[in-house]
Every structure is written in structure tokens, then in C-alpha cells.
């Protein structure tokens, strides 16, 4: 999954749960800047692991 696809999955789950982006950032324990960077194609391995884990927990 590309960073943009992962961001889209994150956005879909966020909308399903009715969460604002700032709440997602808090749950992922990251700054909102990292979410914006992911949307533009930049994603570190540790952040990818956190996002994938959060998506798995939220399902």
C-alpha cells in the first residue's frame, strides 16, 4: 500500500468513527504534520506500523 493509499484508508476509518484528524493524531501519538506528510507520499516505517496497527484495532 502506498502512503497515499494508507492515508486514504486512515481517512475512511476516521470518517467511519466520526473522529477529527487531531484526535487520530493523538491516538497515533504523532503530530498532525506527519499525517499531512503521509498524504503527500512520505511515510517512515515506524509510522506505517503505527497506522497499520491502528487500522487493525479500529476494525
PDB file of N, CA and C in Angstrom:
ATOM      1  N   UNK A   1       0.852  -1.174   0.000  1.00  0.00           N
ATOM      2  CA  UNK A   1       0.000   0.000   0.000  1.00  0.00           C
ATOM      3  C   UNK A   1       0.901   1.241   0.000  1.00  0.00           C
ATOM      4  N   UNK A   2       0.627   2.171  -0.892  1.00  0.00           N
ATOM      5  CA  UNK A   2       1.411   3.411  -0.932  1.00  0.00           C
ATOM      6  C   UNK A   2       1.030   4.296   0.255  1.00  0.00           C
ATOM      7  N   UNK A   3       1.867   5.283   0.578  1.00  0.00           N
ATOM      8  CA  UNK A   3       1.495   6.196   1.660  1.00  0.00           C
ATOM      9  C   UNK A   3       0.145   6.876   1.414  1.00  0.00           C
ATOM     10  N   UNK A   4      -0.112   7.243   0.163  1.00  0.00           N
ATOM     11  CA  UNK A   4      -1.387   7.892  -0.150  1.00  0.00           C
ATOM     12  C   UNK A   4      -2.564   6.942   0.052  1.00  0.00           C
ATOM     13  N   UNK A   5      -2.398   5.687  -0.316  1.00  0.00           N
ATOM     14  CA  UNK A   5      -3.465   4.702  -0.109  1.00  0.00           C
ATOM     15  C   UNK A   5      -3.691   4.453   1.373  1.00  0.00           C
ATOM     16  N   UNK A   6      -2.600   4.418   2.127  1.00  0.00           N
ATOM     17  CA  UNK A   6      -2.713   4.230   3.567  1.00  0.00           C
ATOM     18  C   UNK A   6      -3.415   5.434   4.204  1.00  0.00           C
ATOM     19  N   UNK A   7      -3.099   6.624   3.722  1.00  0.00           N
ATOM     20  CA  UNK A   7      -3.757   7.841   4.217  1.00  0.00           C
ATOM     21  C   UNK A   7      -5.253   7.788   3.892  1.00  0.00           C
ATOM     22  N   UNK A   8      -5.585   7.326   2.694  1.00  0.00           N
ATOM     23  CA  UNK A   8      -6.999   7.216   2.308  1.00  0.00           C
ATOM     24  C   UNK A   8      -7.727   6.216   3.201  1.00  0.00           C
ATOM     25  N   UNK A   9      -7.085   5.103   3.522  1.00  0.00           N
ATOM     26  CA  UNK A   9      -7.692   4.111   4.423  1.00  0.00           C
ATOM     27  C   UNK A   9      -7.866   4.710   5.813  1.00  0.00           C
ATOM     28  N   UNK A  10      -6.877   5.472   6.244  1.00  0.00           N
ATOM     29  CA  UNK A  10      -6.949   6.143   7.535  1.00  0.00           C
ATOM     30  C   UNK A  10      -8.101   7.143   7.549  1.00  0.00           C
ATOM     31  N   UNK A  11      -8.241   7.886   6.465  1.00  0.00           N
ATOM     32  CA  UNK A  11      -9.327   8.865   6.366  1.00  0.00           C
ATOM     33  C   UNK A  11     -10.687   8.184   6.373  1.00  0.00           C
ATOM     34  N   UNK A  12     -10.789   7.079   5.674  1.00  0.00           N
ATOM     35  CA  UNK A  12     -12.061   6.341   5.638  1.00  0.00           C
ATOM     36  C   UNK A  12     -12.445   5.850   7.034  1.00  0.00           C
ATOM     37  N   UNK A  13     -11.474   5.270   7.743  1.00  0.00           N
ATOM     38  CA  UNK A  13     -11.738   4.785   9.103  1.00  0.00           C
ATOM     39  C   UNK A  13     -12.071   5.946  10.030  1.00  0.00           C
ATOM     40  N   UNK A  14     -11.344   7.060   9.872  1.00  0.00           N
ATOM     41  CA  UNK A  14     -11.584   8.258  10.684  1.00  0.00           C
ATOM     42  C   UNK A  14     -13.019   8.736  10.514  1.00  0.00           C
ATOM     43  N   UNK A  15     -13.464   8.787   9.264  1.00  0.00           N
ATOM     44  CA  UNK A  15     -14.837   9.238   8.986  1.00  0.00           C
ATOM     45  C   UNK A  15     -15.862   8.267   9.569  1.00  0.00           C
ATOM     46  N   UNK A  16     -15.595   6.966   9.440  1.00  0.00           N
ATOM     47  CA  UNK A  16     -16.490   5.948   9.980  1.00  0.00           C
ATOM     48  C   UNK A  16     -16.656   6.106  11.485  1.00  0.00           C
ATOM     49  N   UNK A  17     -15.545   6.393  12.159  1.00  0.00           N
ATOM     50  CA  UNK A  17     -15.568   6.551  13.610  1.00  0.00           C
ATOM     51  C   UNK A  17     -16.004   7.958  14.052  1.00  0.00           C
ATOM     52  N   UNK A  18     -16.134   8.875  13.083  1.00  0.00           N
ATOM     53  CA  UNK A  18     -16.552  10.232  13.407  1.00  0.00           C
ATOM     54  C   UNK A  18     -15.499  11.038  14.158  1.00  0.00           C
ATOM     55  N   UNK A  19     -14.227  10.777  13.849  1.00  0.00           N
ATOM     56  CA  UNK A  19     -13.137  11.449  14.543  1.00  0.00           C
ATOM     57  C   UNK A  19     -12.565  12.598  13.714  1.00  0.00           C
ATOM     58  N   UNK A  20     -12.196  13.679  14.369  1.00  0.00           N
ATOM     59  CA  UNK A  20     -11.447  14.725  13.656  1.00  0.00           C
ATOM     60  C   UNK A  20      -9.987  14.276  13.511  1.00  0.00           C
ATOM     61  N   UNK A  21      -9.272  14.878  12.580  1.00  0.00           N
ATOM     62  CA  UNK A  21      -7.883  14.492  12.347  1.00  0.00           C
ATOM     63  C   UNK A  21      -7.027  14.647  13.591  1.00  0.00           C
ATOM     64  N   UNK A  22      -7.264  15.684  14.381  1.00  0.00           N
ATOM     65  CA  UNK A  22      -6.428  15.887  15.563  1.00  0.00           C
ATOM     66  C   UNK A  22      -6.567  14.731  16.545  1.00  0.00           C
ATOM     67  N   UNK A  23      -7.750  14.134  16.610  1.00  0.00           N
ATOM     68  CA  UNK A  23      -7.968  13.002  17.515  1.00  0.00           C
ATOM     69  C   UNK A  23      -7.222  11.763  16.995  1.00  0.00           C
ATOM     70  N   UNK A  24      -7.207  11.585  15.683  1.00  0.00           N
ATOM     71  CA  UNK A  24      -6.452  10.468  15.097  1.00  0.00           C
ATOM     72  C   UNK A  24      -4.970  10.633  15.425  1.00  0.00           C
ATOM     73  N   UNK A  25      -4.459  11.853  15.276  1.00  0.00           N
ATOM     74  CA  UNK A  25      -3.056  12.120  15.588  1.00  0.00           C
ATOM     75  C   UNK A  25      -2.750  11.789  17.044  1.00  0.00           C
ATOM     76  N   UNK A  26      -3.646  12.156  17.952  1.00  0.00           N
ATOM     77  CA  UNK A  26      -3.450  11.851  19.367  1.00  0.00           C
ATOM     78  C   UNK A  26      -3.428  10.333  19.585  1.00  0.00           C
ATOM     79  N   UNK A  27      -4.356   9.637  18.965  1.00  0.00           N
ATOM     80  CA  UNK A  27      -4.404   8.180  19.135  1.00  0.00           C
ATOM     81  C   UNK A  27      -3.167   7.499  18.563  1.00  0.00           C
ATOM     82  N   UNK A  28      -2.609   8.076  17.494  1.00  0.00           N
ATOM     83  CA  UNK A  28      -1.386   7.520  16.901  1.00  0.00           C
ATOM     84  C   UNK A  28      -0.138   8.026  17.618  1.00  0.00           C
ATOM     85  N   UNK A  29      -0.324   8.982  18.518  1.00  0.00           N
ATOM     86  CA  UNK A  29       0.778   9.605  19.261  1.00  0.00           C
ATOM     87  C   UNK A  29       1.792  10.252  18.326  1.00  0.00           C
ATOM     88  N   UNK A  30       1.255  11.041  17.380  1.00  0.00           N
ATOM     89  CA  UNK A  30       2.104  11.761  16.431  1.00  0.00           C
ATOM     90  C   UNK A  30       1.575  13.179  16.274  1.00  0.00           C
ATOM     91  N   UNK A  31       2.347  14.003  15.607  1.00  0.00           N
ATOM     92  CA  UNK A  31       1.931  15.344  15.256  1.00  0.00           C
ATOM     93  C   UNK A  31       1.095  15.280  13.978  1.00  0.00           C
ATOM     94  N   UNK A  32       0.170  16.196  13.844  1.00  0.00           N
ATOM     95  CA  UNK A  32      -0.630  16.259  12.622  1.00  0.00           C
ATOM     96  C   UNK A  32       0.215  16.475  11.378  1.00  0.00           C
ATOM     97  N   UNK A  33       1.407  17.018  11.546  1.00  0.00           N
ATOM     98  CA  UNK A  33       2.316  17.233  10.411  1.00  0.00           C
ATOM     99  C   UNK A  33       2.617  15.906   9.719  1.00  0.00           C
ATOM    100  N   UNK A  34       2.765  14.840  10.511  1.00  0.00           N
ATOM    101  CA  UNK A  34       3.080  13.537   9.923  1.00  0.00           C
ATOM    102  C   UNK A  34       1.922  13.015   9.079  1.00  0.00           C
ATOM    103  N   UNK A  35       0.702  13.332   9.464  1.00  0.00           N
ATOM    104  CA  UNK A  35      -0.457  12.920   8.662  1.00  0.00           C
ATOM    105  C   UNK A  35      -0.450  13.644   7.324  1.00  0.00           C
ATOM    106  N   UNK A  36      -0.097  14.912   7.341  1.00  0.00           N
ATOM    107  CA  UNK A  36      -0.023  15.681   6.100  1.00  0.00           C
ATOM    108  C   UNK A  36       1.107  15.159   5.213  1.00  0.00           C
ATOM    109  N   UNK A  37       2.238  14.837   5.810  1.00  0.00           N
ATOM    110  CA  UNK A  37       3.353  14.292   5.039  1.00  0.00           C
ATOM    111  C   UNK A  37       2.976  12.952   4.403  1.00  0.00           C
ATOM    112  N   UNK A  38       2.221  12.135   5.130  1.00  0.00           N
ATOM    113  CA  UNK A  38       1.781  10.853   4.589  1.00  0.00           C
ATOM    114  C   UNK A  38       0.895  11.071   3.364  1.00  0.00           C
ATOM    115  N   UNK A  39       0.025  12.051   3.455  1.00  0.00           N
ATOM    116  CA  UNK A  39      -0.870  12.356   2.331  1.00  0.00           C
ATOM    117  C   UNK A  39      -0.076  12.721   1.078  1.00  0.00           C
ATOM    118  N   UNK A  40       1.118  13.278   1.289  1.00  0.00           N
ATOM    119  CA  UNK A  40       1.966  13.689   0.165  1.00  0.00           C
ATOM    120  C   UNK A  40       3.038  12.661  -0.185  1.00  0.00           C
ATOM    121  N   UNK A  41       2.930  11.446   0.380  1.00  0.00           N
ATOM    122  CA  UNK A  41       3.789  10.362  -0.039  1.00  0.00           C
ATOM    123  C   UNK A  41       4.981  10.059   0.842  1.00  0.00           C
ATOM    124  N   UNK A  42       5.093  10.717   1.995  1.00  0.00           N
ATOM    125  CA  UNK A  42       6.227  10.478   2.893  1.00  0.00           C
ATOM    126  C   UNK A  42       5.751   9.697   4.106  1.00  0.00           C
ATOM    127  N   UNK A  43       6.360   8.533   4.314  1.00  0.00           N
ATOM    128  CA  UNK A  43       5.930   7.679   5.412  1.00  0.00           C
ATOM    129  C   UNK A  43       7.097   6.838   5.902  1.00  0.00           C
ATOM    130  N   UNK A  44       7.443   6.993   7.172  1.00  0.00           N
ATOM    131  CA  UNK A  44       8.527   6.196   7.753  1.00  0.00           C
ATOM    132  C   UNK A  44       7.984   4.805   8.109  1.00  0.00           C
ATOM    133  N   UNK A  45       8.886   3.865   8.270  1.00  0.00           N
ATOM    134  CA  UNK A  45       8.479   2.506   8.647  1.00  0.00           C
ATOM    135  C   UNK A  45       7.795   2.470  10.013  1.00  0.00           C
ATOM    136  N   UNK A  46       8.323   3.196  11.017  1.00  0.00           N
ATOM    137  CA  UNK A  46       7.634   3.174  12.322  1.00  0.00           C
ATOM    138  C   UNK A  46       6.222   3.756  12.250  1.00  0.00           C
ATOM    139  N   UNK A  47       6.052   4.828  11.483  1.00  0.00           N
ATOM    140  CA  UNK A  47       4.712   5.417  11.356  1.00  0.00           C
ATOM    141  C   UNK A  47       3.787   4.479  10.597  1.00  0.00           C
ATOM    142  N   UNK A  48       4.305   3.827   9.561  1.00  0.00           N
ATOM    143  CA  UNK A  48       3.492   2.858   8.814  1.00  0.00           C
ATOM    144  C   UNK A  48       2.988   1.768   9.765  1.00  0.00           C
ATOM    145  N   UNK A  49       3.873   1.276  10.614  1.00  0.00           N
ATOM    146  CA  UNK A  49       3.489   0.221  11.555  1.00  0.00           C
ATOM    147  C   UNK A  49       2.413   0.720  12.515  1.00  0.00           C
ATOM    148  N   UNK A  50       2.544   1.949  13.001  1.00  0.00           N
ATOM    149  CA  UNK A  50       1.530   2.513  13.906  1.00  0.00           C
ATOM    150  C   UNK A  50       0.181   2.651  13.221  1.00  0.00           C
ATOM    151  N   UNK A  51       0.197   3.181  11.994  1.00  0.00           N
ATOM    152  CA  UNK A  51      -1.053   3.389  11.261  1.00  0.00           C
ATOM    153  C   UNK A  51      -1.715   2.044  10.973  1.00  0.00           C
ATOM    154  N   UNK A  52      -0.929   1.074  10.512  1.00  0.00           N
ATOM    155  CA  UNK A  52      -1.498  -0.242  10.206  1.00  0.00           C
ATOM    156  C   UNK A  52      -2.065  -0.892  11.460  1.00  0.00           C
ATOM    157  N   UNK A  53      -1.379  -0.744  12.580  1.00  0.00           N
ATOM    158  CA  UNK A  53      -1.883  -1.305  13.846  1.00  0.00           C
ATOM    159  C   UNK A  53      -3.185  -0.612  14.238  1.00  0.00           C
ATOM    160  N   UNK A  54      -3.240   0.712  14.102  1.00  0.00           N
ATOM    161  CA  UNK A  54      -4.444   1.457  14.470  1.00  0.00           C
ATOM    162  C   UNK A  54      -5.612   1.058  13.561  1.00  0.00           C
ATOM    163  N   UNK A  55      -5.338   0.908  12.294  1.00  0.00           N
ATOM    164  CA  UNK A  55      -6.397   0.492  11.375  1.00  0.00           C
ATOM    165  C   UNK A  55      -6.892  -0.905  11.741  1.00  0.00           C
ATOM    166  N   UNK A  56      -5.997  -1.777  12.134  1.00  0.00           N
ATOM    167  CA  UNK A  56      -6.381  -3.127  12.547  1.00  0.00           C
ATOM    168  C   UNK A  56      -7.200  -3.134  13.815  1.00  0.00           C
ATOM    169  N   UNK A  57      -6.843  -2.276  14.770  1.00  0.00           N
ATOM    170  CA  UNK A  57      -7.587  -2.182  16.039  1.00  0.00           C
ATOM    171  C   UNK A  57      -8.963  -1.580  15.844  1.00  0.00           C
ATOM    172  N   UNK A  58      -9.065  -0.659  14.905  1.00  0.00           N
ATOM    173  CA  UNK A  58     -10.316   0.059  14.706  1.00  0.00           C
ATOM    174  C   UNK A  58     -11.346  -0.780  13.966  1.00  0.00           C
ATOM    175  N   UNK A  59     -10.905  -1.864  13.304  1.00  0.00           N
ATOM    176  CA  UNK A  59     -11.886  -2.654  12.552  1.00  0.00           C
ATOM    177  C   UNK A  59     -12.668  -3.593  13.413  1.00  0.00           C
TER     178      UNK A  59
END
